[in-house]
Amino acid sequence: MTTPNPTPEEPQRYEPGPTPGKVLAWVLLFLVAAVVVVVGGVYFG
């Protein structure tokens, strides 16, 4: 059996890492969500 991939030591099944901008957007999204939860708890708690 021959493998279709000529370079088996470099598997192509992994996606490239996220860009720094995408990571920053996710971090900001979670921070905003945390602030909303805290502020909501202070005002409505």
PDB file of N, CA and C in Angstrom:
ATOM      1  N   MET A   1       0.853  -1.202   0.000  1.00  0.00           N
ATOM      2  CA  MET A   1       0.000   0.000   0.000  1.00  0.00           C
ATOM      3  C   MET A   1       0.884   1.245   0.000  1.00  0.00           C
ATOM      4  N   THR A   2       0.584   2.151  -0.884  1.00  0.00           N
ATOM      5  CA  THR A   2       1.341   3.399  -0.940  1.00  0.00           C
ATOM      6  C   THR A   2       0.479   4.526  -0.399  1.00  0.00           C
ATOM      7  N   THR A   3       1.108   5.426   0.316  1.00  0.00           N
ATOM      8  CA  THR A   3       0.365   6.553   0.876  1.00  0.00           C
ATOM      9  C   THR A   3       0.213   7.641  -0.178  1.00  0.00           C
ATOM     10  N   PRO A   4      -0.960   8.266  -0.264  1.00  0.00           N
ATOM     11  CA  PRO A   4      -1.153   9.324  -1.272  1.00  0.00           C
ATOM     12  C   PRO A   4      -0.347  10.580  -0.968  1.00  0.00           C
ATOM     13  N   ASN A   5       0.035  10.748   0.288  1.00  0.00           N
ATOM     14  CA  ASN A   5       0.793  11.937   0.669  1.00  0.00           C
ATOM     15  C   ASN A   5       2.282  11.648   0.511  1.00  0.00           C
ATOM     16  N   PRO A   6       3.010  12.392  -0.337  1.00  0.00           N
ATOM     17  CA  PRO A   6       4.440  12.105  -0.546  1.00  0.00           C
ATOM     18  C   PRO A   6       5.294  12.405   0.675  1.00  0.00           C
ATOM     19  N   THR A   7       4.824  13.249   1.584  1.00  0.00           N
ATOM     20  CA  THR A   7       5.592  13.571   2.788  1.00  0.00           C
ATOM     21  C   THR A   7       4.778  13.158   4.008  1.00  0.00           C
ATOM     22  N   PRO A   8       4.912  11.911   4.438  1.00  0.00           N
ATOM     23  CA  PRO A   8       4.092  11.447   5.567  1.00  0.00           C
ATOM     24  C   PRO A   8       4.486  12.086   6.892  1.00  0.00           C
ATOM     25  N   GLU A   9       5.703  12.623   6.988  1.00  0.00           N
ATOM     26  CA  GLU A   9       6.099  13.250   8.252  1.00  0.00           C
ATOM     27  C   GLU A   9       5.484  14.638   8.431  1.00  0.00           C
ATOM     28  N   GLU A  10       4.804  15.141   7.404  1.00  0.00           N
ATOM     29  CA  GLU A  10       4.118  16.431   7.506  1.00  0.00           C
ATOM     30  C   GLU A  10       2.642  16.234   7.175  1.00  0.00           C
ATOM     31  N   PRO A  11       1.852  15.810   8.168  1.00  0.00           N
ATOM     32  CA  PRO A  11       0.425  15.573   7.882  1.00  0.00           C
ATOM     33  C   PRO A  11      -0.297  16.869   7.557  1.00  0.00           C
ATOM     34  N   GLN A  12      -1.214  16.805   6.602  1.00  0.00           N
ATOM     35  CA  GLN A  12      -1.931  17.999   6.153  1.00  0.00           C
ATOM     36  C   GLN A  12      -3.315  18.099   6.788  1.00  0.00           C
ATOM     37  N   ARG A  13      -3.595  17.248   7.792  1.00  0.00           N
ATOM     38  CA  ARG A  13      -4.940  17.244   8.363  1.00  0.00           C
ATOM     39  C   ARG A  13      -5.132  18.359   9.389  1.00  0.00           C
ATOM     40  N   TYR A  14      -4.037  18.977   9.818  1.00  0.00           N
ATOM     41  CA  TYR A  14      -4.148  20.035  10.818  1.00  0.00           C
ATOM     42  C   TYR A  14      -4.373  21.378  10.139  1.00  0.00           C
ATOM     43  N   GLU A  15      -5.295  22.153  10.699  1.00  0.00           N
ATOM     44  CA  GLU A  15      -5.543  23.489  10.159  1.00  0.00           C
ATOM     45  C   GLU A  15      -4.468  24.445  10.672  1.00  0.00           C
ATOM     46  N   PRO A  16      -4.169  25.491   9.913  1.00  0.00           N
ATOM     47  CA  PRO A  16      -3.199  26.478  10.407  1.00  0.00           C
ATOM     48  C   PRO A  16      -3.733  27.192  11.638  1.00  0.00           C
ATOM     49  N   GLY A  17      -2.839  27.684  12.464  1.00  0.00           N
ATOM     50  CA  GLY A  17      -3.242  28.360  13.684  1.00  0.00           C
ATOM     51  C   GLY A  17      -4.012  29.633  13.386  1.00  0.00           C
ATOM     52  N   PRO A  18      -4.830  30.044  14.343  1.00  0.00           N
ATOM     53  CA  PRO A  18      -5.604  31.271  14.128  1.00  0.00           C
ATOM     54  C   PRO A  18      -4.699  32.492  14.078  1.00  0.00           C
ATOM     55  N   THR A  19      -5.142  33.504  13.372  1.00  0.00           N
ATOM     56  CA  THR A  19      -4.358  34.731  13.273  1.00  0.00           C
ATOM     57  C   THR A  19      -4.447  35.498  14.591  1.00  0.00           C
ATOM     58  N   PRO A  20      -3.442  36.321  14.903  1.00  0.00           N
ATOM     59  CA  PRO A  20      -3.488  37.103  16.151  1.00  0.00           C
ATOM     60  C   PRO A  20      -4.736  37.968  16.250  1.00  0.00           C
ATOM     61  N   GLY A  21      -5.200  38.499  15.136  1.00  0.00           N
ATOM     62  CA  GLY A  21      -6.410  39.325  15.172  1.00  0.00           C
ATOM     63  C   GLY A  21      -7.622  38.523  15.605  1.00  0.00           C
ATOM     64  N   LYS A  22      -7.693  37.280  15.152  1.00  0.00           N
ATOM     65  CA  LYS A  22      -8.822  36.429  15.527  1.00  0.00           C
ATOM     66  C   LYS A  22      -8.757  36.099  17.012  1.00  0.00           C
ATOM     67  N   VAL A  23      -7.545  35.814  17.509  1.00  0.00           N
ATOM     68  CA  VAL A  23      -7.379  35.525  18.930  1.00  0.00           C
ATOM     69  C   VAL A  23      -7.777  36.742  19.753  1.00  0.00           C
ATOM     70  N   LEU A  24      -7.343  37.921  19.324  1.00  0.00           N
ATOM     71  CA  LEU A  24      -7.681  39.149  20.037  1.00  0.00           C
ATOM     72  C   LEU A  24      -9.185  39.378  20.041  1.00  0.00           C
ATOM     73  N   ALA A  25      -9.844  39.098  18.928  1.00  0.00           N
ATOM     74  CA  ALA A  25     -11.295  39.271  18.861  1.00  0.00           C
ATOM     75  C   ALA A  25     -11.995  38.339  19.844  1.00  0.00           C
ATOM     76  N   TRP A  26     -11.545  37.089  19.939  1.00  0.00           N
ATOM     77  CA  TRP A  26     -12.158  36.153  20.885  1.00  0.00           C
ATOM     78  C   TRP A  26     -11.920  36.601  22.321  1.00  0.00           C
ATOM     79  N   VAL A  27     -10.698  37.074  22.620  1.00  0.00           N
ATOM     80  CA  VAL A  27     -10.396  37.537  23.979  1.00  0.00           C
ATOM     81  C   VAL A  27     -11.288  38.718  24.337  1.00  0.00           C
ATOM     82  N   LEU A  28     -11.427  39.668  23.408  1.00  0.00           N
ATOM     83  CA  LEU A  28     -12.287  40.823  23.672  1.00  0.00           C
ATOM     84  C   LEU A  28     -13.737  40.392  23.844  1.00  0.00           C
ATOM     85  N   LEU A  29     -14.178  39.424  23.048  1.00  0.00           N
ATOM     86  CA  LEU A  29     -15.550  38.944  23.168  1.00  0.00           C
ATOM     87  C   LEU A  29     -15.797  38.353  24.552  1.00  0.00           C
ATOM     88  N   PHE A  30     -14.867  37.545  25.044  1.00  0.00           N
ATOM     89  CA  PHE A  30     -15.039  36.953  26.365  1.00  0.00           C
ATOM     90  C   PHE A  30     -14.956  38.013  27.461  1.00  0.00           C
ATOM     91  N   LEU A  31     -14.078  39.006  27.299  1.00  0.00           N
ATOM     92  CA  LEU A  31     -13.985  40.070  28.293  1.00  0.00           C
ATOM     93  C   LEU A  31     -15.279  40.872  28.350  1.00  0.00           C
ATOM     94  N   VAL A  32     -15.830  41.203  27.183  1.00  0.00           N
ATOM     95  CA  VAL A  32     -17.086  41.954  27.146  1.00  0.00           C
ATOM     96  C   VAL A  32     -18.198  41.128  27.782  1.00  0.00           C
ATOM     97  N   ALA A  33     -18.246  39.837  27.484  1.00  0.00           N
ATOM     98  CA  ALA A  33     -19.273  38.983  28.080  1.00  0.00           C
ATOM     99  C   ALA A  33     -19.117  38.933  29.600  1.00  0.00           C
ATOM    100  N   ALA A  34     -17.887  38.856  30.087  1.00  0.00           N
ATOM    101  CA  ALA A  34     -17.655  38.823  31.528  1.00  0.00           C
ATOM    102  C   ALA A  34     -18.088  40.129  32.173  1.00  0.00           C
ATOM    103  N   VAL A  35     -17.782  41.257  31.534  1.00  0.00           N
ATOM    104  CA  VAL A  35     -18.182  42.558  32.070  1.00  0.00           C
ATOM    105  C   VAL A  35     -19.705  42.666  32.107  1.00  0.00           C
ATOM    106  N   VAL A  36     -20.367  42.197  31.055  1.00  0.00           N
ATOM    107  CA  VAL A  36     -21.830  42.245  31.018  1.00  0.00           C
ATOM    108  C   VAL A  36     -22.415  41.411  32.150  1.00  0.00           C
ATOM    109  N   VAL A  37     -21.849  40.236  32.401  1.00  0.00           N
ATOM    110  CA  VAL A  37     -22.352  39.383  33.478  1.00  0.00           C
ATOM    111  C   VAL A  37     -22.142  40.057  34.830  1.00  0.00           C
ATOM    112  N   VAL A  38     -20.966  40.636  35.043  1.00  0.00           N
ATOM    113  CA  VAL A  38     -20.674  41.280  36.327  1.00  0.00           C
ATOM    114  C   VAL A  38     -21.569  42.496  36.529  1.00  0.00           C
ATOM    115  N   VAL A  39     -21.681  43.344  35.511  1.00  0.00           N
ATOM    116  CA  VAL A  39     -22.514  44.545  35.627  1.00  0.00           C
ATOM    117  C   VAL A  39     -23.977  44.151  35.813  1.00  0.00           C
ATOM    118  N   GLY A  40     -24.426  43.146  35.090  1.00  0.00           N
ATOM    119  CA  GLY A  40     -25.800  42.677  35.256  1.00  0.00           C
ATOM    120  C   GLY A  40     -26.037  42.150  36.660  1.00  0.00           C
ATOM    121  N   GLY A  41     -25.064  41.464  37.209  1.00  0.00           N
ATOM    122  CA  GLY A  41     -25.203  40.964  38.572  1.00  0.00           C
ATOM    123  C   GLY A  41     -25.230  42.091  39.585  1.00  0.00           C
ATOM    124  N   VAL A  42     -24.467  43.161  39.336  1.00  0.00           N
ATOM    125  CA  VAL A  42     -24.443  44.288  40.266  1.00  0.00           C
ATOM    126  C   VAL A  42     -25.765  45.047  40.209  1.00  0.00           C
ATOM    127  N   TYR A  43     -26.276  45.296  39.007  1.00  0.00           N
ATOM    128  CA  TYR A  43     -27.484  46.102  38.872  1.00  0.00           C
ATOM    129  C   TYR A  43     -28.752  45.310  39.172  1.00  0.00           C
ATOM    130  N   PHE A  44     -28.794  44.047  38.769  1.00  0.00           N
ATOM    131  CA  PHE A  44     -30.034  43.285  38.900  1.00  0.00           C
ATOM    132  C   PHE A  44     -29.949  42.213  39.984  1.00  0.00           C
ATOM    133  N   GLY A  45     -28.828  42.180  40.693  1.00  0.00           N
ATOM    134  CA  GLY A  45     -28.631  41.103  41.653  1.00  0.00           C
ATOM    135  C   GLY A  45     -29.102  41.406  42.994  1.00  0.00           C
TER     136      GLY A  45
END
